[in-house]
């Protein structure tokens, strides 16, 4: 079963300027660690995505192409 991702707006609390900068620093460090740890898998995935041929272009049917009822 394919997972569905839904973007939900977040109600973040107001924090001080210093806390906002510290939070951003922590998130950037976490992102750097995750990218480093999973780098081989990320590269493999990107390589496979580039090697897959894009689907053939098929124009969508016009609203006026179908039979009247």
PDB file of N, CA and C in Angstrom:
ATOM      1  N   UNK A   1       0.835  -1.172   0.000  1.00  0.00           N
ATOM      2  CA  UNK A   1       0.000   0.000   0.000  1.00  0.00           C
ATOM      3  C   UNK A   1       0.891   1.249   0.000  1.00  0.00           C
ATOM      4  N   UNK A   2       0.597   2.173  -0.878  1.00  0.00           N
ATOM      5  CA  UNK A   2       1.376   3.391  -0.979  1.00  0.00           C
ATOM      6  C   UNK A   2       0.965   4.360   0.132  1.00  0.00           C
ATOM      7  N   UNK A   3       1.962   4.943   0.771  1.00  0.00           N
ATOM      8  CA  UNK A   3       1.674   5.911   1.827  1.00  0.00           C
ATOM      9  C   UNK A   3       1.267   7.244   1.215  1.00  0.00           C
ATOM     10  N   UNK A   4       0.368   7.915   1.869  1.00  0.00           N
ATOM     11  CA  UNK A   4      -0.096   9.218   1.418  1.00  0.00           C
ATOM     12  C   UNK A   4       0.464  10.259   2.367  1.00  0.00           C
ATOM     13  N   UNK A   5       1.062  11.285   1.814  1.00  0.00           N
ATOM     14  CA  UNK A   5       1.623  12.358   2.628  1.00  0.00           C
ATOM     15  C   UNK A   5       0.693  13.556   2.569  1.00  0.00           C
ATOM     16  N   UNK A   6       0.301  14.017   3.733  1.00  0.00           N
ATOM     17  CA  UNK A   6      -0.574  15.182   3.810  1.00  0.00           C
ATOM     18  C   UNK A   6       0.160  16.262   4.580  1.00  0.00           C
ATOM     19  N   UNK A   7       0.257  17.424   4.000  1.00  0.00           N
ATOM     20  CA  UNK A   7       0.921  18.540   4.654  1.00  0.00           C
ATOM     21  C   UNK A   7      -0.090  19.263   5.530  1.00  0.00           C
ATOM     22  N   UNK A   8       0.169  19.262   6.813  1.00  0.00           N
ATOM     23  CA  UNK A   8      -0.727  19.907   7.760  1.00  0.00           C
ATOM     24  C   UNK A   8      -0.058  21.175   8.277  1.00  0.00           C
ATOM     25  N   UNK A   9      -0.784  22.265   8.342  1.00  0.00           N
ATOM     26  CA  UNK A   9      -0.187  23.471   8.902  1.00  0.00           C
ATOM     27  C   UNK A   9       0.135  23.244  10.380  1.00  0.00           C
ATOM     28  N   UNK A  10       1.257  23.757  10.787  1.00  0.00           N
ATOM     29  CA  UNK A  10       1.673  23.570  12.176  1.00  0.00           C
ATOM     30  C   UNK A  10       1.488  24.864  12.943  1.00  0.00           C
ATOM     31  N   UNK A  11       1.008  24.732  14.138  1.00  0.00           N
ATOM     32  CA  UNK A  11       0.864  25.884  15.020  1.00  0.00           C
ATOM     33  C   UNK A  11       2.082  25.906  15.940  1.00  0.00           C
ATOM     34  N   UNK A  12       3.127  26.559  15.487  1.00  0.00           N
ATOM     35  CA  UNK A  12       4.346  26.620  16.277  1.00  0.00           C
ATOM     36  C   UNK A  12       4.232  27.736  17.316  1.00  0.00           C
ATOM     37  N   UNK A  13       4.779  27.493  18.496  1.00  0.00           N
ATOM     38  CA  UNK A  13       4.708  28.525  19.531  1.00  0.00           C
ATOM     39  C   UNK A  13       5.653  29.675  19.216  1.00  0.00           C
ATOM     40  N   UNK A  14       5.364  30.829  19.759  1.00  0.00           N
ATOM     41  CA  UNK A  14       6.287  31.962  19.631  1.00  0.00           C
ATOM     42  C   UNK A  14       7.461  31.711  20.555  1.00  0.00           C
ATOM     43  N   UNK A  15       8.663  31.924  20.033  1.00  0.00           N
ATOM     44  CA  UNK A  15       9.877  31.754  20.833  1.00  0.00           C
ATOM     45  C   UNK A  15      10.763  32.965  20.613  1.00  0.00           C
ATOM     46  N   UNK A  16      11.753  33.093  21.461  1.00  0.00           N
ATOM     47  CA  UNK A  16      12.658  34.233  21.350  1.00  0.00           C
ATOM     48  C   UNK A  16      13.508  34.106  20.088  1.00  0.00           C
ATOM     49  N   UNK A  17      14.118  35.210  19.699  1.00  0.00           N
ATOM     50  CA  UNK A  17      15.000  35.200  18.523  1.00  0.00           C
ATOM     51  C   UNK A  17      16.143  34.202  18.721  1.00  0.00           C
ATOM     52  N   UNK A  18      16.711  34.193  19.922  1.00  0.00           N
ATOM     53  CA  UNK A  18      17.834  33.299  20.216  1.00  0.00           C
ATOM     54  C   UNK A  18      17.382  31.837  20.115  1.00  0.00           C
ATOM     55  N   UNK A  19      16.230  31.530  20.660  1.00  0.00           N
ATOM     56  CA  UNK A  19      15.722  30.159  20.610  1.00  0.00           C
ATOM     57  C   UNK A  19      15.440  29.742  19.164  1.00  0.00           C
ATOM     58  N   UNK A  20      14.951  30.660  18.343  1.00  0.00           N
ATOM     59  CA  UNK A  20      14.682  30.362  16.936  1.00  0.00           C
ATOM     60  C   UNK A  20      15.974  30.009  16.208  1.00  0.00           C
ATOM     61  N   UNK A  21      17.023  30.761  16.483  1.00  0.00           N
ATOM     62  CA  UNK A  21      18.320  30.489  15.856  1.00  0.00           C
ATOM     63  C   UNK A  21      18.861  29.147  16.337  1.00  0.00           C
ATOM     64  N   UNK A  22      18.735  28.862  17.625  1.00  0.00           N
ATOM     65  CA  UNK A  22      19.216  27.595  18.159  1.00  0.00           C
ATOM     66  C   UNK A  22      18.436  26.413  17.566  1.00  0.00           C
ATOM     67  N   UNK A  23      17.136  26.574  17.423  1.00  0.00           N
ATOM     68  CA  UNK A  23      16.312  25.521  16.828  1.00  0.00           C
ATOM     69  C   UNK A  23      16.751  25.258  15.390  1.00  0.00           C
ATOM     70  N   UNK A  24      16.968  26.319  14.628  1.00  0.00           N
ATOM     71  CA  UNK A  24      17.414  26.164  13.248  1.00  0.00           C
ATOM     72  C   UNK A  24      18.779  25.480  13.186  1.00  0.00           C
ATOM     73  N   UNK A  25      19.679  25.831  14.097  1.00  0.00           N
ATOM     74  CA  UNK A  25      20.996  25.188  14.137  1.00  0.00           C
ATOM     75  C   UNK A  25      20.869  23.690  14.397  1.00  0.00           C
ATOM     76  N   UNK A  26      20.003  23.322  15.334  1.00  0.00           N
ATOM     77  CA  UNK A  26      19.800  21.903  15.651  1.00  0.00           C
ATOM     78  C   UNK A  26      19.249  21.167  14.433  1.00  0.00           C
ATOM     79  N   UNK A  27      18.257  21.758  13.767  1.00  0.00           N
ATOM     80  CA  UNK A  27      17.665  21.111  12.592  1.00  0.00           C
ATOM     81  C   UNK A  27      18.678  20.961  11.467  1.00  0.00           C
ATOM     82  N   UNK A  28      19.527  21.972  11.267  1.00  0.00           N
ATOM     83  CA  UNK A  28      20.551  21.875  10.226  1.00  0.00           C
ATOM     84  C   UNK A  28      21.573  20.788  10.552  1.00  0.00           C
ATOM     85  N   UNK A  29      21.948  20.668  11.840  1.00  0.00           N
ATOM     86  CA  UNK A  29      22.867  19.602  12.243  1.00  0.00           C
ATOM     87  C   UNK A  29      22.235  18.227  12.027  1.00  0.00           C
ATOM     88  N   UNK A  30      20.977  18.101  12.371  1.00  0.00           N
ATOM     89  CA  UNK A  30      20.274  16.838  12.176  1.00  0.00           C
ATOM     90  C   UNK A  30      20.205  16.483  10.696  1.00  0.00           C
ATOM     91  N   UNK A  31      19.885  17.466   9.859  1.00  0.00           N
ATOM     92  CA  UNK A  31      19.827  17.225   8.416  1.00  0.00           C
ATOM     93  C   UNK A  31      21.192  16.815   7.877  1.00  0.00           C
ATOM     94  N   UNK A  32      22.239  17.471   8.324  1.00  0.00           N
ATOM     95  CA  UNK A  32      23.593  17.117   7.895  1.00  0.00           C
ATOM     96  C   UNK A  32      23.936  15.687   8.297  1.00  0.00           C
ATOM     97  N   UNK A  33      23.593  15.300   9.523  1.00  0.00           N
ATOM     98  CA  UNK A  33      23.866  13.947   9.995  1.00  0.00           C
ATOM     99  C   UNK A  33      23.088  12.917   9.174  1.00  0.00           C
ATOM    100  N   UNK A  34      21.822  13.171   8.925  1.00  0.00           N
ATOM    101  CA  UNK A  34      20.991  12.233   8.170  1.00  0.00           C
ATOM    102  C   UNK A  34      21.513  12.110   6.742  1.00  0.00           C
ATOM    103  N   UNK A  35      21.857  13.228   6.108  1.00  0.00           N
ATOM    104  CA  UNK A  35      22.392  13.166   4.741  1.00  0.00           C
ATOM    105  C   UNK A  35      23.683  12.367   4.689  1.00  0.00           C
ATOM    106  N   UNK A  36      24.552  12.569   5.677  1.00  0.00           N
ATOM    107  CA  UNK A  36      25.819  11.842   5.702  1.00  0.00           C
ATOM    108  C   UNK A  36      25.578  10.352   5.923  1.00  0.00           C
ATOM    109  N   UNK A  37      24.715  10.015   6.861  1.00  0.00           N
ATOM    110  CA  UNK A  37      24.462   8.616   7.208  1.00  0.00           C
ATOM    111  C   UNK A  37      23.817   7.850   6.056  1.00  0.00           C
ATOM    112  N   UNK A  38      22.876   8.484   5.370  1.00  0.00           N
ATOM    113  CA  UNK A  38      22.137   7.809   4.308  1.00  0.00           C
ATOM    114  C   UNK A  38      22.628   8.160   2.901  1.00  0.00           C
ATOM    115  N   UNK A  39      23.778   8.779   2.789  1.00  0.00           N
ATOM    116  CA  UNK A  39      24.289   9.231   1.489  1.00  0.00           C
ATOM    117  C   UNK A  39      24.321   8.133   0.431  1.00  0.00           C
ATOM    118  N   UNK A  40      24.834   6.932   0.728  1.00  0.00           N
ATOM    119  CA  UNK A  40      24.854   5.889  -0.318  1.00  0.00           C
ATOM    120  C   UNK A  40      23.454   5.524  -0.814  1.00  0.00           C
ATOM    121  N   UNK A  41      22.511   5.419   0.102  1.00  0.00           N
ATOM    122  CA  UNK A  41      21.145   5.076  -0.296  1.00  0.00           C
ATOM    123  C   UNK A  41      20.510   6.199  -1.113  1.00  0.00           C
ATOM    124  N   UNK A  42      20.769   7.423  -0.721  1.00  0.00           N
ATOM    125  CA  UNK A  42      20.219   8.574  -1.450  1.00  0.00           C
ATOM    126  C   UNK A  42      20.786   8.617  -2.859  1.00  0.00           C
ATOM    127  N   UNK A  43      22.100   8.379  -2.984  1.00  0.00           N
ATOM    128  CA  UNK A  43      22.722   8.376  -4.306  1.00  0.00           C
ATOM    129  C   UNK A  43      22.174   7.258  -5.177  1.00  0.00           C
ATOM    130  N   UNK A  44      21.969   6.060  -4.584  1.00  0.00           N
ATOM    131  CA  UNK A  44      21.393   4.947  -5.348  1.00  0.00           C
ATOM    132  C   UNK A  44      20.007   5.292  -5.858  1.00  0.00           C
ATOM    133  N   UNK A  45      19.209   5.874  -5.000  1.00  0.00           N
ATOM    134  CA  UNK A  45      17.840   6.215  -5.378  1.00  0.00           C
ATOM    135  C   UNK A  45      17.839   7.237  -6.507  1.00  0.00           C
ATOM    136  N   UNK A  46      18.673   8.275  -6.385  1.00  0.00           N
ATOM    137  CA  UNK A  46      18.745   9.286  -7.444  1.00  0.00           C
ATOM    138  C   UNK A  46      19.234   8.676  -8.754  1.00  0.00           C
ATOM    139  N   UNK A  47      20.193   7.771  -8.673  1.00  0.00           N
ATOM    140  CA  UNK A  47      20.692   7.117  -9.887  1.00  0.00           C
ATOM    141  C   UNK A  47      19.588   6.326 -10.571  1.00  0.00           C
ATOM    142  N   UNK A  48      18.814   5.579  -9.787  1.00  0.00           N
ATOM    143  CA  UNK A  48      17.715   4.808 -10.367  1.00  0.00           C
ATOM    144  C   UNK A  48      16.654   5.715 -10.973  1.00  0.00           C
ATOM    145  N   UNK A  49      16.399   6.847 -10.334  1.00  0.00           N
ATOM    146  CA  UNK A  49      15.391   7.766 -10.859  1.00  0.00           C
ATOM    147  C   UNK A  49      15.825   8.355 -12.195  1.00  0.00           C
ATOM    148  N   UNK A  50      17.120   8.627 -12.341  1.00  0.00           N
ATOM    149  CA  UNK A  50      17.625   9.184 -13.599  1.00  0.00           C
ATOM    150  C   UNK A  50      17.616   8.136 -14.709  1.00  0.00           C
ATOM    151  N   UNK A  51      17.811   6.863 -14.339  1.00  0.00           N
ATOM    152  CA  UNK A  51      17.910   5.825 -15.365  1.00  0.00           C
ATOM    153  C   UNK A  51      16.544   5.364 -15.878  1.00  0.00           C
ATOM    154  N   UNK A  52      15.500   5.650 -15.159  1.00  0.00           N
ATOM    155  CA  UNK A  52      14.154   5.261 -15.594  1.00  0.00           C
ATOM    156  C   UNK A  52      13.703   6.215 -16.685  1.00  0.00           C
ATOM    157  N   UNK A  53      13.221   5.633 -17.794  1.00  0.00           N
ATOM    158  CA  UNK A  53      12.744   6.477 -18.886  1.00  0.00           C
ATOM    159  C   UNK A  53      11.475   7.198 -18.454  1.00  0.00           C
ATOM    160  N   UNK A  54      11.358   8.476 -18.797  1.00  0.00           N
ATOM    161  CA  UNK A  54      10.128   9.177 -18.446  1.00  0.00           C
ATOM    162  C   UNK A  54       8.950   8.587 -19.219  1.00  0.00           C
ATOM    163  N   UNK A  55       7.768   8.598 -18.628  1.00  0.00           N
ATOM    164  CA  UNK A  55       6.607   8.041 -19.333  1.00  0.00           C
ATOM    165  C   UNK A  55       6.317   8.835 -20.609  1.00  0.00           C
ATOM    166  N   UNK A  56       5.784   8.128 -21.595  1.00  0.00           N
ATOM    167  CA  UNK A  56       5.450   8.776 -22.860  1.00  0.00           C
ATOM    168  C   UNK A  56       4.373   9.831 -22.625  1.00  0.00           C
ATOM    169  N   UNK A  57       4.503  10.922 -23.312  1.00  0.00           N
ATOM    170  CA  UNK A  57       3.521  12.004 -23.168  1.00  0.00           C
ATOM    171  C   UNK A  57       2.231  11.620 -23.865  1.00  0.00           C
ATOM    172  N   UNK A  58       1.169  11.666 -23.121  1.00  0.00           N
ATOM    173  CA  UNK A  58      -0.155  11.422 -23.679  1.00  0.00           C
ATOM    174  C   UNK A  58      -1.038  12.587 -23.278  1.00  0.00           C
ATOM    175  N   UNK A  59      -1.483  13.380 -24.239  1.00  0.00           N
ATOM    176  CA  UNK A  59      -2.325  14.515 -23.865  1.00  0.00           C
ATOM    177  C   UNK A  59      -3.616  14.027 -23.243  1.00  0.00           C
ATOM    178  N   UNK A  60      -4.074  14.771 -22.268  1.00  0.00           N
ATOM    179  CA  UNK A  60      -5.326  14.384 -21.623  1.00  0.00           C
ATOM    180  C   UNK A  60      -6.481  14.633 -22.580  1.00  0.00           C
ATOM    181  N   UNK A  61      -7.524  13.818 -22.486  1.00  0.00           N
ATOM    182  CA  UNK A  61      -8.656  13.991 -23.394  1.00  0.00           C
ATOM    183  C   UNK A  61      -9.346  15.332 -23.140  1.00  0.00           C
ATOM    184  N   UNK A  62      -9.838  15.884 -24.194  1.00  0.00           N
ATOM    185  CA  UNK A  62     -10.539  17.153 -24.087  1.00  0.00           C
ATOM    186  C   UNK A  62     -11.879  16.936 -23.418  1.00  0.00           C
ATOM    187  N   UNK A  63     -12.372  17.952 -22.785  1.00  0.00           N
ATOM    188  CA  UNK A  63     -13.693  17.863 -22.150  1.00  0.00           C
ATOM    189  C   UNK A  63     -14.789  17.655 -23.186  1.00  0.00           C
ATOM    190  N   UNK A  64     -14.519  18.030 -24.429  1.00  0.00           N
ATOM    191  CA  UNK A  64     -15.532  17.971 -25.465  1.00  0.00           C
ATOM    192  C   UNK A  64     -15.402  16.761 -26.373  1.00  0.00           C
ATOM    193  N   UNK A  65     -14.462  15.836 -26.053  1.00  0.00           N
ATOM    194  CA  UNK A  65     -14.252  14.659 -26.880  1.00  0.00           C
ATOM    195  C   UNK A  65     -15.210  13.509 -26.576  1.00  0.00           C
ATOM    196  N   UNK A  66     -15.812  13.516 -25.411  1.00  0.00           N
ATOM    197  CA  UNK A  66     -16.663  12.375 -25.063  1.00  0.00           C
ATOM    198  C   UNK A  66     -18.047  12.518 -25.674  1.00  0.00           C
ATOM    199  N   UNK A  67     -18.739  11.403 -25.685  1.00  0.00           N
ATOM    200  CA  UNK A  67     -20.094  11.356 -26.278  1.00  0.00           C
ATOM    201  C   UNK A  67     -21.089  12.092 -25.378  1.00  0.00           C
ATOM    202  N   UNK A  68     -22.048  12.805 -25.987  1.00  0.00           N
ATOM    203  CA  UNK A  68     -23.084  13.421 -25.149  1.00  0.00           C
ATOM    204  C   UNK A  68     -23.984  12.339 -24.564  1.00  0.00           C
ATOM    205  N   UNK A  69     -24.616  12.620 -23.475  1.00  0.00           N
ATOM    206  CA  UNK A  69     -25.459  11.596 -22.847  1.00  0.00           C
ATOM    207  C   UNK A  69     -26.874  11.627 -23.331  1.00  0.00           C
TER     208      UNK A  69
END
